[in-house]
Amino acid sequence: MMASPREFFDISGPLHLLTSFDWRNTFHRRSLAASLVRGVYILEKDRQRGSIGQDANAPPWWERFHFQLNRVLVDDSDLSYFGAIFELKYAHPIFFQTSPYPPRYIIAFRGTISRSVTRSEDMKLNMKCIFDKLEESSRFHTAFEAVWNTVAMVGPMNVWIAGHSLGAAIAMLAGRNMAKSRYQLETYLFNPPFITVPIEKMIKNETLKHVVRIAGSLLKAGIATTMNLRPEDPEEDPFIVLSDWTPYVFVNRSDPICAEYIGYFEHREKMERIGVGRIERIATKYSNRSLVSGAMGRDSEPLHLLPTAYMTVNTSPSENFKQDHGIDQWWQPHFQWESKLYKFK
């Protein structure tokens, strides 16, 4: 029986872009990055099914965009495929006649696969992410080594990184570490986890929400100032060093895992408007956990706090959590988007 258009779309990705892809179009670039992340999910599912060669479902997700699989990234703990390096097939001058240029390589990372043999290890890593311990995992070490070696081979302008959910946390951490070495990679973060109390989802009253956020900012800024946590030399402040890196962050307003990014960035602007931006510029660098760690003499840099980002919010009505948190929303053309650049000043 012939597959329905929806089923074919799910298997093969955004077919509407295949004949009219434009590297200058931000929606097209986002759709490509999301499709390759989806390809990593399918790679792992193919591995679990024992599907290889012509039986594999994954290749259309990158081959239709003229990429080829360079190599998979394997988790040391459960031998699952958690990431992949994709290489542009045709490094021909015709691809580089317009700006921005296509990347030579895209390194993509999947998130948690809840109904599979990988679930246990994925959930362990989710817990490490919650407690800012993801950098200690072997999965991240493998990921960062792949990113670093690829950049060393072809330069930062030729490498993108992308990830979804847990994979977005890995991509964010890799991007942060590269930015600290003065390599700003084009980075696509789909539904990245924001590890804090989800004020954006818990409090519906906008006035009360603003009051709660102001109180939190005053408290964090006061503690940070009292404990003298700020570096004397601004050039040594990790937050300021990271401000030159502008990752693309994609969040769904109804997704409790990432929705707090909306409040985080909007609150910074509100604090500037009411004349207390200086306080927020201190508070925005810290989470409650990082302040506790600082008080105990331990360095703790919150993964989820970003100085600068180009954030796109999906404001379409939602049906369920699976849709709110899914990767496929980021290449479908019928959703409603709001995009804005937030820059740390």
Protein backbone atom coordinates (compact mmCIF):
# COMPACT_ATOMS: atom_id res chain seq x y z
CA MET A 1 0.00 0.00 0.00
CA MET A 2 1.32 3.46 -0.89
CA ALA A 3 2.49 5.63 2.03
CA SER A 4 0.45 8.72 2.84
CA PRO A 5 2.08 12.14 2.25
CA ARG A 6 2.41 12.53 6.03
CA GLU A 7 4.15 9.15 6.41
CA PHE A 8 6.48 9.92 3.51
CA PHE A 9 7.22 13.33 5.05
CA ASP A 10 8.08 11.69 8.37
CA ILE A 11 10.44 9.22 6.69
CA SER A 12 12.20 11.59 4.34
CA GLY A 13 12.18 14.99 6.00
CA PRO A 14 11.13 18.40 4.61
CA LEU A 15 10.55 17.50 0.97
CA HIS A 16 9.29 21.02 0.25
CA LEU A 17 12.89 22.31 0.49
CA LEU A 18 14.59 19.81 -1.76
CA THR A 19 14.09 21.72 -5.01
CA SER A 20 14.40 25.24 -3.64
CA PHE A 21 17.02 25.20 -0.89
CA ASP A 22 18.59 28.61 -0.25
CA TRP A 23 21.60 28.88 2.06
CA ARG A 24 20.72 32.53 2.74
CA ASN A 25 17.30 31.58 4.10
CA THR A 26 17.40 31.10 7.89
CA PHE A 27 14.35 28.80 7.84
CA HIS A 28 16.07 26.55 5.29
CA ARG A 29 19.27 26.44 7.33
CA ARG A 30 17.32 25.64 10.49
CA SER A 31 15.39 22.89 8.66
CA LEU A 32 18.62 21.33 7.43
CA ALA A 33 20.13 21.30 10.92
CA ALA A 34 16.95 19.80 12.41
CA SER A 35 16.79 17.15 9.68
CA LEU A 36 20.34 15.99 10.34
CA VAL A 37 19.57 15.76 14.07
CA ARG A 38 16.55 13.67 13.15
CA GLY A 39 18.89 11.55 11.05
CA VAL A 40 20.91 10.71 14.18
CA TYR A 41 17.74 9.48 15.91
CA ILE A 42 16.99 7.25 12.91
CA LEU A 43 20.60 6.03 12.77
CA GLU A 44 20.28 4.72 16.33
CA LYS A 45 16.89 3.15 15.63
CA ASP A 46 18.32 1.50 12.51
CA ARG A 47 21.17 0.14 14.63
CA GLN A 48 18.74 -1.33 17.15
CA ARG A 49 16.70 -2.94 14.37
CA GLY A 50 19.81 -4.29 12.70
CA SER A 51 18.94 -2.34 9.55
CA ILE A 52 21.90 -1.69 7.26
CA GLY A 53 22.47 -0.83 3.63
CA GLN A 54 19.29 -0.60 1.60
CA ASP A 55 17.18 -1.51 4.63
CA ALA A 56 18.27 1.60 6.56
CA ASN A 57 15.82 4.51 6.96
CA ALA A 58 18.34 7.16 7.99
CA PRO A 59 20.19 8.18 4.78
CA PRO A 60 17.37 10.25 3.20
CA TRP A 61 17.59 12.69 6.06
CA TRP A 62 21.01 13.88 4.91
CA GLU A 63 21.47 12.59 1.36
CA ARG A 64 18.60 14.74 0.07
CA PHE A 65 20.55 17.79 1.25
CA HIS A 66 23.75 16.58 -0.49
CA PHE A 67 25.48 15.47 2.68
CA GLN A 68 27.06 12.12 3.39
CA LEU A 69 27.68 10.32 6.66
CA ASN A 70 31.32 10.79 7.59
CA ARG A 71 31.15 8.78 10.83
CA VAL A 72 28.91 8.04 13.78
CA LEU A 73 29.70 8.96 17.37
CA VAL A 74 29.34 6.01 19.72
CA ASP A 75 28.60 6.12 23.45
CA ASP A 76 31.21 4.16 25.42
CA SER A 77 28.64 3.00 27.99
CA ASP A 78 25.93 1.39 25.84
CA LEU A 79 27.50 1.52 22.34
CA SER A 80 24.55 3.54 21.04
CA TYR A 81 24.83 6.12 18.27
CA PHE A 82 24.33 9.49 19.95
CA GLY A 83 25.79 11.73 17.28
CA ALA A 84 27.16 11.87 13.77
CA ILE A 85 29.49 13.92 11.59
CA PHE A 86 27.97 14.79 8.21
CA GLU A 87 30.12 16.00 5.33
CA LEU A 88 29.00 18.08 2.36
CA LYS A 89 29.32 15.88 -0.72
CA TYR A 90 30.13 18.54 -3.24
CA ALA A 91 32.75 20.99 -1.98
CA HIS A 92 32.49 22.77 -5.31
CA PRO A 93 32.92 26.54 -5.85
CA ILE A 94 29.26 26.78 -6.94
CA PHE A 95 28.27 26.16 -3.31
CA PHE A 96 30.36 29.08 -2.13
CA GLN A 97 29.22 31.85 -4.45
CA THR A 98 26.71 33.21 -1.95
CA SER A 99 27.06 34.31 1.64
CA PRO A 100 26.58 32.80 4.15
CA TYR A 101 28.50 29.81 2.92
CA PRO A 102 27.42 26.20 3.48
CA PRO A 103 29.45 24.29 6.05
CA ARG A 104 31.81 21.50 5.09
CA TYR A 105 30.73 19.53 8.15
CA ILE A 106 27.69 19.44 10.44
CA ILE A 107 28.00 17.58 13.75
CA ALA A 108 24.61 16.60 15.14
CA PHE A 109 23.50 15.09 18.47
CA ARG A 110 20.25 13.34 19.31
CA GLY A 111 18.32 13.57 22.55
CA THR A 112 16.74 10.88 24.72
CA ILE A 113 15.08 7.89 23.05
CA SER A 114 12.56 6.94 25.71
CA ARG A 115 11.39 3.56 24.41
CA SER A 116 14.60 1.74 23.63
CA VAL A 117 17.64 0.06 25.09
CA THR A 118 19.34 3.47 25.29
CA ARG A 119 16.81 4.90 27.76
CA SER A 120 18.77 4.04 30.92
CA GLU A 121 22.00 5.71 29.80
CA ASP A 122 20.14 8.68 28.31
CA MET A 123 18.30 9.27 31.59
CA LYS A 124 21.58 9.10 33.52
CA LEU A 125 22.91 11.84 31.30
CA ASN A 126 19.75 13.87 31.78
CA MET A 127 20.44 13.77 35.52
CA LYS A 128 24.03 14.85 34.94
CA CYS A 129 22.67 17.76 32.90
CA ILE A 130 20.37 18.78 35.76
CA PHE A 131 23.29 18.86 38.20
CA ASP A 132 25.73 20.55 35.78
CA LYS A 133 27.83 17.38 35.50
CA LEU A 134 27.35 16.69 31.80
CA GLU A 135 30.91 17.79 31.04
CA GLU A 136 32.19 14.86 33.10
CA SER A 137 30.45 12.22 30.95
CA SER A 138 32.24 10.06 28.40
CA ARG A 139 29.54 10.93 25.86
CA PHE A 140 30.42 14.61 26.06
CA HIS A 141 34.15 13.87 25.90
CA THR A 142 33.58 11.92 22.67
CA ALA A 143 31.40 14.70 21.29
CA PHE A 144 33.81 17.50 22.11
CA GLU A 145 36.78 15.59 20.71
CA ALA A 146 34.89 15.20 17.43
CA VAL A 147 34.04 18.92 17.34
CA TRP A 148 37.56 20.04 18.24
CA ASN A 149 39.27 17.74 15.72
CA THR A 150 36.91 18.76 12.92
CA VAL A 151 37.45 22.46 13.60
CA ALA A 152 41.21 21.89 13.75
CA MET A 153 41.02 20.22 10.33
CA VAL A 154 38.87 22.73 8.39
CA GLY A 155 38.45 25.82 10.61
CA PRO A 156 35.45 27.15 12.58
CA MET A 157 33.72 28.76 9.60
CA ASN A 158 33.28 25.34 8.00
CA VAL A 159 31.67 23.55 10.95
CA TRP A 160 28.16 23.67 12.37
CA ILE A 161 26.93 21.87 15.46
CA ALA A 162 23.33 21.01 16.25
CA GLY A 163 21.37 19.08 18.83
CA HIS A 164 17.92 18.40 20.23
CA SER A 165 16.96 18.20 23.93
CA LEU A 166 19.79 16.29 25.66
CA GLY A 167 21.69 16.59 22.38
CA ALA A 168 21.15 20.36 22.48
CA ALA A 169 22.74 20.40 25.95
CA ILE A 170 25.77 18.54 24.51
CA ALA A 171 25.95 20.92 21.54
CA MET A 172 25.60 23.94 23.83
CA LEU A 173 28.39 22.76 26.10
CA ALA A 174 30.64 22.02 23.12
CA GLY A 175 29.85 25.42 21.61
CA ARG A 176 30.58 27.18 24.90
CA ASN A 177 33.94 25.47 25.26
CA MET A 178 34.88 26.30 21.68
CA ALA A 179 33.81 29.93 22.19
CA LYS A 180 36.08 30.18 25.22
CA SER A 181 38.92 29.21 22.87
CA ARG A 182 37.77 32.06 20.56
CA TYR A 183 36.13 29.73 18.02
CA GLN A 184 32.52 30.77 17.48
CA LEU A 185 30.70 27.93 15.73
CA GLU A 186 27.32 28.25 14.07
CA THR A 187 25.15 26.36 16.55
CA TYR A 188 21.54 25.16 16.41
CA LEU A 189 19.92 24.27 19.74
CA PHE A 190 16.47 22.69 19.48
CA ASN A 191 14.42 22.52 22.71
CA PRO A 192 17.49 22.88 24.95
CA PRO A 193 16.81 22.18 28.65
CA PHE A 194 16.70 25.17 30.98
CA ILE A 195 17.49 23.79 34.41
CA THR A 196 15.51 25.87 36.91
CA VAL A 197 12.05 26.27 38.38
CA PRO A 198 9.76 26.71 35.32
CA ILE A 199 8.35 30.11 36.26
CA GLU A 200 7.23 30.71 32.68
CA LYS A 201 4.88 27.72 32.85
CA MET A 202 3.95 27.80 36.55
CA ILE A 203 2.84 31.42 36.90
CA LYS A 204 0.20 32.66 34.47
CA ASN A 205 -0.24 36.18 35.86
CA GLU A 206 2.29 38.38 34.06
CA THR A 207 2.57 40.94 36.87
CA LEU A 208 3.22 38.28 39.51
CA LYS A 209 5.68 36.56 37.20
CA HIS A 210 7.60 39.83 36.77
CA VAL A 211 7.64 40.46 40.53
CA VAL A 212 8.99 36.96 41.20
CA ARG A 213 11.73 37.41 38.61
CA ILE A 214 12.74 40.82 39.96
CA ALA A 215 12.98 39.41 43.48
CA GLY A 216 15.13 36.55 42.20
CA SER A 217 17.43 38.95 40.35
CA LEU A 218 17.86 41.18 43.39
CA LEU A 219 18.66 38.17 45.55
CA LYS A 220 21.20 36.67 43.13
CA ALA A 221 22.89 40.01 42.42
CA GLY A 222 23.11 40.72 46.14
CA ILE A 223 24.64 37.35 46.96
CA ALA A 224 27.10 37.52 44.07
CA THR A 225 28.22 41.01 45.10
CA THR A 226 28.52 40.09 48.77
CA MET A 227 30.62 37.03 48.00
CA ASN A 228 32.67 39.01 45.46
CA LEU A 229 32.20 36.33 42.79
CA ARG A 230 32.78 38.68 39.87
CA PRO A 231 36.27 38.60 38.26
CA GLU A 232 38.25 41.80 38.70
CA ASP A 233 39.27 41.71 35.04
CA PRO A 234 36.17 41.69 32.77
CA GLU A 235 38.18 39.90 30.07
CA GLU A 236 38.41 36.91 32.42
CA ASP A 237 34.65 36.78 32.98
CA PRO A 238 33.43 33.63 31.15
CA PHE A 239 30.04 35.22 30.53
CA ILE A 240 31.61 38.18 28.73
CA VAL A 241 33.92 35.90 26.74
CA LEU A 242 30.88 33.93 25.58
CA SER A 243 28.95 37.05 24.55
CA ASP A 244 30.54 37.05 21.07
CA TRP A 245 29.02 33.62 20.36
CA THR A 246 25.43 33.72 19.06
CA PRO A 247 23.79 30.30 19.03
CA TYR A 248 20.38 29.81 17.43
CA VAL A 249 17.98 28.71 20.16
CA PHE A 250 14.61 27.17 19.28
CA VAL A 251 11.97 26.82 21.97
CA ASN A 252 8.28 26.00 22.14
CA ARG A 253 6.22 28.19 24.46
CA SER A 254 4.30 25.11 25.67
CA ASP A 255 7.37 22.95 26.32
CA PRO A 256 8.26 23.01 30.05
CA ILE A 257 11.77 21.74 29.32
CA CYS A 258 12.85 24.81 27.35
CA ALA A 259 10.12 27.47 27.78
CA GLU A 260 12.00 29.22 30.59
CA TYR A 261 14.41 30.63 27.99
CA ILE A 262 11.58 32.93 26.95
CA GLY A 263 11.26 34.45 30.41
CA TYR A 264 15.03 34.50 30.93
CA PHE A 265 15.71 36.70 27.90
CA GLU A 266 12.55 38.83 28.12
CA HIS A 267 13.24 39.58 31.80
CA ARG A 268 16.67 40.96 30.94
CA GLU A 269 15.05 43.47 28.58
CA LYS A 270 12.38 44.43 31.12
CA MET A 271 15.04 45.11 33.75
CA GLU A 272 16.83 47.43 31.30
CA ARG A 273 13.57 49.28 30.59
CA ILE A 274 12.82 49.95 34.25
CA GLY A 275 16.34 51.22 34.88
CA VAL A 276 17.87 48.33 36.83
CA GLY A 277 19.77 46.69 34.00
CA ARG A 278 23.01 46.83 35.98
CA ILE A 279 21.54 44.54 38.62
CA GLU A 280 20.30 42.09 36.02
CA ARG A 281 23.67 42.07 34.23
CA ILE A 282 25.08 40.60 37.44
CA ALA A 283 22.17 38.29 38.25
CA THR A 284 21.84 36.82 34.75
CA LYS A 285 25.24 35.12 35.07
CA TYR A 286 24.24 32.94 38.00
CA SER A 287 21.84 30.17 38.90
CA ASN A 288 20.89 29.35 42.47
CA ARG A 289 23.10 26.27 42.33
CA SER A 290 26.12 28.20 41.04
CA LEU A 291 25.78 30.68 43.90
CA VAL A 292 25.72 27.84 46.43
CA SER A 293 28.78 26.30 44.77
CA GLY A 294 30.53 29.66 44.81
CA ALA A 295 29.81 30.05 48.52
CA MET A 296 31.42 26.63 49.08
CA GLY A 297 34.50 27.64 47.09
CA ARG A 298 33.73 25.50 44.04
CA ASP A 299 33.54 26.78 40.48
CA SER A 300 30.18 26.10 38.89
CA GLU A 301 29.24 27.61 35.55
CA PRO A 302 25.57 27.00 34.67
CA LEU A 303 25.26 25.34 31.27
CA HIS A 304 21.88 26.82 30.39
CA LEU A 305 22.65 30.52 30.97
CA LEU A 306 23.55 32.26 27.71
CA PRO A 307 24.76 35.85 27.30
CA THR A 308 23.69 36.07 23.66
CA ALA A 309 21.27 34.12 21.50
CA TYR A 310 19.09 34.42 18.44
CA MET A 311 15.92 32.86 19.82
CA THR A 312 12.98 31.55 17.80
CA VAL A 313 9.77 30.72 19.66
CA ASN A 314 7.09 28.42 18.28
CA THR A 315 3.83 30.11 19.31
CA SER A 316 1.45 27.73 17.52
CA PRO A 317 -1.33 26.06 19.53
CA SER A 318 -0.10 22.74 20.86
CA GLU A 319 -1.73 19.31 21.06
CA ASN A 320 0.56 17.42 23.45
CA PHE A 321 4.03 17.31 24.96
CA LYS A 322 5.36 15.09 22.18
CA GLN A 323 4.56 17.79 19.65
CA ASP A 324 5.79 20.61 21.91
CA HIS A 325 9.16 18.95 22.46
CA GLY A 326 9.55 17.21 19.09
CA ILE A 327 12.28 17.92 16.57
CA ASP A 328 10.01 17.81 13.52
CA GLN A 329 8.28 21.12 14.38
CA TRP A 330 11.43 22.96 13.36
CA TRP A 331 11.24 22.15 9.66
CA GLN A 332 7.49 22.28 9.13
CA PRO A 333 6.40 25.46 7.32
CA HIS A 334 2.92 25.91 8.82
CA PHE A 335 3.90 26.86 12.38
CA GLN A 336 3.92 30.40 13.78
CA TRP A 337 7.33 31.80 14.71
CA GLU A 338 8.67 34.77 16.63
CA SER A 339 12.41 35.44 16.36
CA LYS A 340 14.61 37.97 18.14
CA LEU A 341 18.27 38.60 18.87
CA TYR A 342 19.20 38.96 22.54
CA LYS A 343 22.67 40.31 23.21
CA PHE A 344 24.45 40.77 26.50
CA LYS A 345 25.54 44.39 26.94
